[in-house]
């Protein structure tokens, strides 16, 4: 299955694009997608509080994803 992930902030800088696509052998949950991204882009491992949003809502790690879901990687945000 193919998943398209929207990237913001430092995640966009690490990947080098505002969107990336990954392919998994089977349907995946949020944790599986996050693990694959951290394997493909090891610098993502340094981000301690990386969140995943699915269909515009923060998602739990066990949420099962479909190919049509809107997935976004949300890095920590500092205010000013």
N, C-alpha and C. Protein backbone atom coordinates (compact mmCIF):
# COMPACT_ATOMS: atom_id res chain seq x y z
N UNK A 1 0.84 -1.17 0.00
CA UNK A 1 0.00 0.00 0.00
C UNK A 1 0.89 1.24 0.00
N UNK A 2 0.44 2.27 -0.70
CA UNK A 2 1.17 3.52 -0.76
C UNK A 2 0.49 4.56 0.11
N UNK A 3 1.32 5.30 0.85
CA UNK A 3 0.82 6.35 1.72
C UNK A 3 1.54 7.65 1.38
N UNK A 4 0.79 8.72 1.24
CA UNK A 4 1.36 10.04 0.98
C UNK A 4 1.36 10.81 2.30
N UNK A 5 2.53 11.37 2.64
CA UNK A 5 2.68 12.06 3.92
C UNK A 5 3.07 13.52 3.65
N UNK A 6 2.31 14.43 4.24
CA UNK A 6 2.61 15.86 4.18
C UNK A 6 3.60 16.19 5.28
N UNK A 7 4.60 17.01 4.97
CA UNK A 7 5.66 17.33 5.91
C UNK A 7 5.70 18.83 6.18
N UNK A 8 6.02 19.18 7.42
CA UNK A 8 6.07 20.57 7.84
C UNK A 8 7.33 20.83 8.64
N UNK A 9 7.77 22.10 8.64
CA UNK A 9 8.90 22.52 9.48
C UNK A 9 10.15 21.71 9.23
N UNK A 10 10.78 21.29 10.31
CA UNK A 10 12.05 20.57 10.24
C UNK A 10 11.91 19.24 9.50
N UNK A 11 10.74 18.61 9.55
CA UNK A 11 10.57 17.33 8.82
C UNK A 11 10.68 17.57 7.32
N UNK A 12 10.15 18.68 6.84
CA UNK A 12 10.26 19.04 5.42
C UNK A 12 11.72 19.27 5.06
N UNK A 13 12.46 19.93 5.94
CA UNK A 13 13.87 20.19 5.69
C UNK A 13 14.67 18.89 5.63
N UNK A 14 14.39 17.97 6.52
CA UNK A 14 15.11 16.69 6.57
C UNK A 14 14.85 15.86 5.32
N UNK A 15 13.59 15.77 4.92
CA UNK A 15 13.21 14.94 3.76
C UNK A 15 13.56 15.64 2.45
N UNK A 16 13.52 16.98 2.45
CA UNK A 16 13.86 17.72 1.24
C UNK A 16 12.67 18.00 0.34
N UNK A 17 11.47 17.83 0.88
CA UNK A 17 10.24 18.04 0.12
C UNK A 17 9.10 18.25 1.10
N UNK A 18 8.01 18.85 0.64
CA UNK A 18 6.87 19.02 1.54
C UNK A 18 5.91 17.83 1.49
N UNK A 19 6.16 16.89 0.60
CA UNK A 19 5.36 15.66 0.53
C UNK A 19 6.30 14.49 0.22
N UNK A 20 6.07 13.37 0.86
CA UNK A 20 6.79 12.16 0.53
C UNK A 20 5.79 11.02 0.44
N UNK A 21 6.17 9.98 -0.25
CA UNK A 21 5.31 8.81 -0.38
C UNK A 21 6.11 7.59 0.02
N UNK A 22 5.50 6.74 0.83
CA UNK A 22 6.16 5.49 1.20
C UNK A 22 5.25 4.33 0.85
N UNK A 23 5.87 3.19 0.64
CA UNK A 23 5.11 1.99 0.32
C UNK A 23 5.36 0.94 1.40
N UNK A 24 4.28 0.33 1.83
CA UNK A 24 4.34 -0.72 2.84
C UNK A 24 3.78 -2.00 2.21
N UNK A 25 4.26 -3.17 2.66
CA UNK A 25 3.80 -4.44 2.12
C UNK A 25 2.35 -4.75 2.47
N UNK A 26 1.87 -4.17 3.54
CA UNK A 26 0.50 -4.42 4.00
C UNK A 26 -0.04 -3.14 4.61
N UNK A 27 -1.30 -3.16 5.00
CA UNK A 27 -1.85 -1.98 5.64
C UNK A 27 -1.06 -1.70 6.92
N UNK A 28 -0.95 -0.43 7.26
CA UNK A 28 -0.09 -0.05 8.38
C UNK A 28 -0.85 0.83 9.36
N UNK A 29 -0.33 0.88 10.56
CA UNK A 29 -0.86 1.83 11.54
C UNK A 29 0.10 3.01 11.63
N UNK A 30 -0.25 4.00 12.43
CA UNK A 30 0.56 5.21 12.56
C UNK A 30 1.98 4.87 13.00
N UNK A 31 2.13 3.99 13.98
CA UNK A 31 3.46 3.62 14.46
C UNK A 31 4.29 3.00 13.34
N UNK A 32 3.70 2.16 12.51
CA UNK A 32 4.41 1.53 11.41
C UNK A 32 4.91 2.55 10.39
N UNK A 33 4.06 3.52 10.08
CA UNK A 33 4.43 4.57 9.13
C UNK A 33 5.58 5.41 9.71
N UNK A 34 5.44 5.77 10.99
CA UNK A 34 6.46 6.58 11.64
C UNK A 34 7.79 5.82 11.70
N UNK A 35 7.75 4.54 12.00
CA UNK A 35 8.97 3.72 12.04
C UNK A 35 9.64 3.66 10.68
N UNK A 36 8.85 3.48 9.64
CA UNK A 36 9.39 3.42 8.27
C UNK A 36 10.03 4.75 7.89
N UNK A 37 9.37 5.85 8.22
CA UNK A 37 9.93 7.17 7.92
C UNK A 37 11.25 7.39 8.65
N UNK A 38 11.31 6.96 9.91
CA UNK A 38 12.54 7.13 10.69
C UNK A 38 13.66 6.24 10.17
N UNK A 39 13.31 5.11 9.57
CA UNK A 39 14.31 4.24 8.95
C UNK A 39 14.81 4.87 7.65
N UNK A 40 13.88 5.37 6.85
CA UNK A 40 14.24 5.98 5.57
C UNK A 40 14.98 7.31 5.74
N UNK A 41 14.65 8.05 6.78
CA UNK A 41 15.24 9.37 7.06
C UNK A 41 15.72 9.39 8.51
N UNK A 42 16.91 8.83 8.80
CA UNK A 42 17.39 8.67 10.17
C UNK A 42 17.43 9.97 10.99
N UNK A 43 17.57 11.11 10.36
CA UNK A 43 17.60 12.37 11.11
C UNK A 43 16.27 12.65 11.81
N UNK A 44 15.19 12.02 11.35
CA UNK A 44 13.90 12.19 12.02
C UNK A 44 13.92 11.60 13.42
N UNK A 45 14.82 10.65 13.68
CA UNK A 45 14.90 10.03 15.00
C UNK A 45 15.29 11.02 16.09
N UNK A 46 15.94 12.11 15.71
CA UNK A 46 16.37 13.11 16.69
C UNK A 46 15.21 13.98 17.18
N UNK A 47 14.09 13.95 16.49
CA UNK A 47 12.93 14.76 16.88
C UNK A 47 12.14 13.96 17.91
N UNK A 48 12.14 14.44 19.15
CA UNK A 48 11.57 13.66 20.26
C UNK A 48 10.05 13.67 20.31
N UNK A 49 9.41 14.77 19.98
CA UNK A 49 7.94 14.82 20.12
C UNK A 49 7.25 14.98 18.77
N UNK A 50 7.60 14.11 17.85
CA UNK A 50 7.01 14.12 16.51
C UNK A 50 5.59 13.56 16.57
N UNK A 51 4.64 14.32 16.06
CA UNK A 51 3.24 13.90 16.07
C UNK A 51 2.80 13.54 14.65
N UNK A 52 1.77 12.72 14.57
CA UNK A 52 1.18 12.37 13.29
C UNK A 52 -0.29 12.76 13.33
N UNK A 53 -0.72 13.45 12.28
CA UNK A 53 -2.13 13.79 12.14
C UNK A 53 -2.69 12.99 10.97
N UNK A 54 -3.89 12.47 11.17
CA UNK A 54 -4.58 11.73 10.11
C UNK A 54 -5.94 12.38 9.92
N UNK A 55 -6.19 12.79 8.69
CA UNK A 55 -7.45 13.46 8.35
C UNK A 55 -7.71 14.65 9.28
N UNK A 56 -6.66 15.46 9.48
CA UNK A 56 -6.70 16.72 10.24
C UNK A 56 -6.89 16.56 11.74
N UNK A 57 -6.64 15.36 12.27
CA UNK A 57 -6.73 15.14 13.72
C UNK A 57 -5.51 14.36 14.19
N UNK A 58 -4.98 14.75 15.35
CA UNK A 58 -3.86 13.98 15.90
C UNK A 58 -4.28 12.54 16.08
N UNK A 59 -3.35 11.63 15.75
CA UNK A 59 -3.69 10.21 15.74
C UNK A 59 -2.89 9.43 16.78
N UNK A 60 -3.52 8.42 17.33
CA UNK A 60 -2.85 7.48 18.24
C UNK A 60 -1.99 6.52 17.41
N UNK A 61 -0.97 5.95 18.02
CA UNK A 61 -0.02 5.11 17.30
C UNK A 61 -0.63 3.83 16.73
N UNK A 62 -1.75 3.38 17.29
CA UNK A 62 -2.34 2.13 16.82
C UNK A 62 -3.45 2.33 15.77
N UNK A 63 -3.68 3.58 15.35
CA UNK A 63 -4.72 3.84 14.34
C UNK A 63 -4.34 3.20 13.02
N UNK A 64 -5.21 2.37 12.46
CA UNK A 64 -4.99 1.71 11.18
C UNK A 64 -5.28 2.70 10.05
N UNK A 65 -4.37 2.77 9.10
CA UNK A 65 -4.46 3.75 8.02
C UNK A 65 -4.95 3.12 6.71
N UNK A 66 -5.56 3.96 5.88
CA UNK A 66 -5.91 3.54 4.53
C UNK A 66 -5.15 4.43 3.56
N UNK A 67 -5.04 3.99 2.31
CA UNK A 67 -4.28 4.75 1.31
C UNK A 67 -4.88 6.13 1.06
N UNK A 68 -6.15 6.31 1.32
CA UNK A 68 -6.81 7.59 1.04
C UNK A 68 -6.71 8.57 2.20
N UNK A 69 -6.14 8.17 3.32
CA UNK A 69 -6.03 9.07 4.47
C UNK A 69 -5.07 10.21 4.17
N UNK A 70 -5.38 11.38 4.72
CA UNK A 70 -4.48 12.52 4.65
C UNK A 70 -3.59 12.44 5.89
N UNK A 71 -2.31 12.17 5.67
CA UNK A 71 -1.36 11.96 6.76
C UNK A 71 -0.37 13.12 6.80
N UNK A 72 -0.11 13.63 7.99
CA UNK A 72 0.84 14.73 8.13
C UNK A 72 1.76 14.46 9.32
N UNK A 73 3.02 14.80 9.13
CA UNK A 73 4.02 14.71 10.19
C UNK A 73 4.16 16.11 10.79
N UNK A 74 3.90 16.22 12.09
CA UNK A 74 3.89 17.51 12.77
C UNK A 74 5.05 17.56 13.77
N UNK A 75 6.05 18.39 13.48
CA UNK A 75 7.17 18.53 14.42
C UNK A 75 6.78 19.43 15.58
N UNK A 76 7.59 19.47 16.63
CA UNK A 76 7.31 20.38 17.73
C UNK A 76 7.31 21.82 17.24
N UNK A 77 6.46 22.64 17.82
CA UNK A 77 6.35 24.05 17.43
C UNK A 77 6.73 24.90 18.62
N UNK A 78 7.62 25.85 18.39
CA UNK A 78 7.98 26.76 19.47
C UNK A 78 7.29 28.09 19.24
N UNK A 79 6.79 28.66 20.28
CA UNK A 79 6.08 29.93 20.18
C UNK A 79 7.02 31.10 20.40
N UNK A 80 6.50 32.26 20.12
CA UNK A 80 7.34 33.42 20.31
C UNK A 80 6.51 34.65 20.55
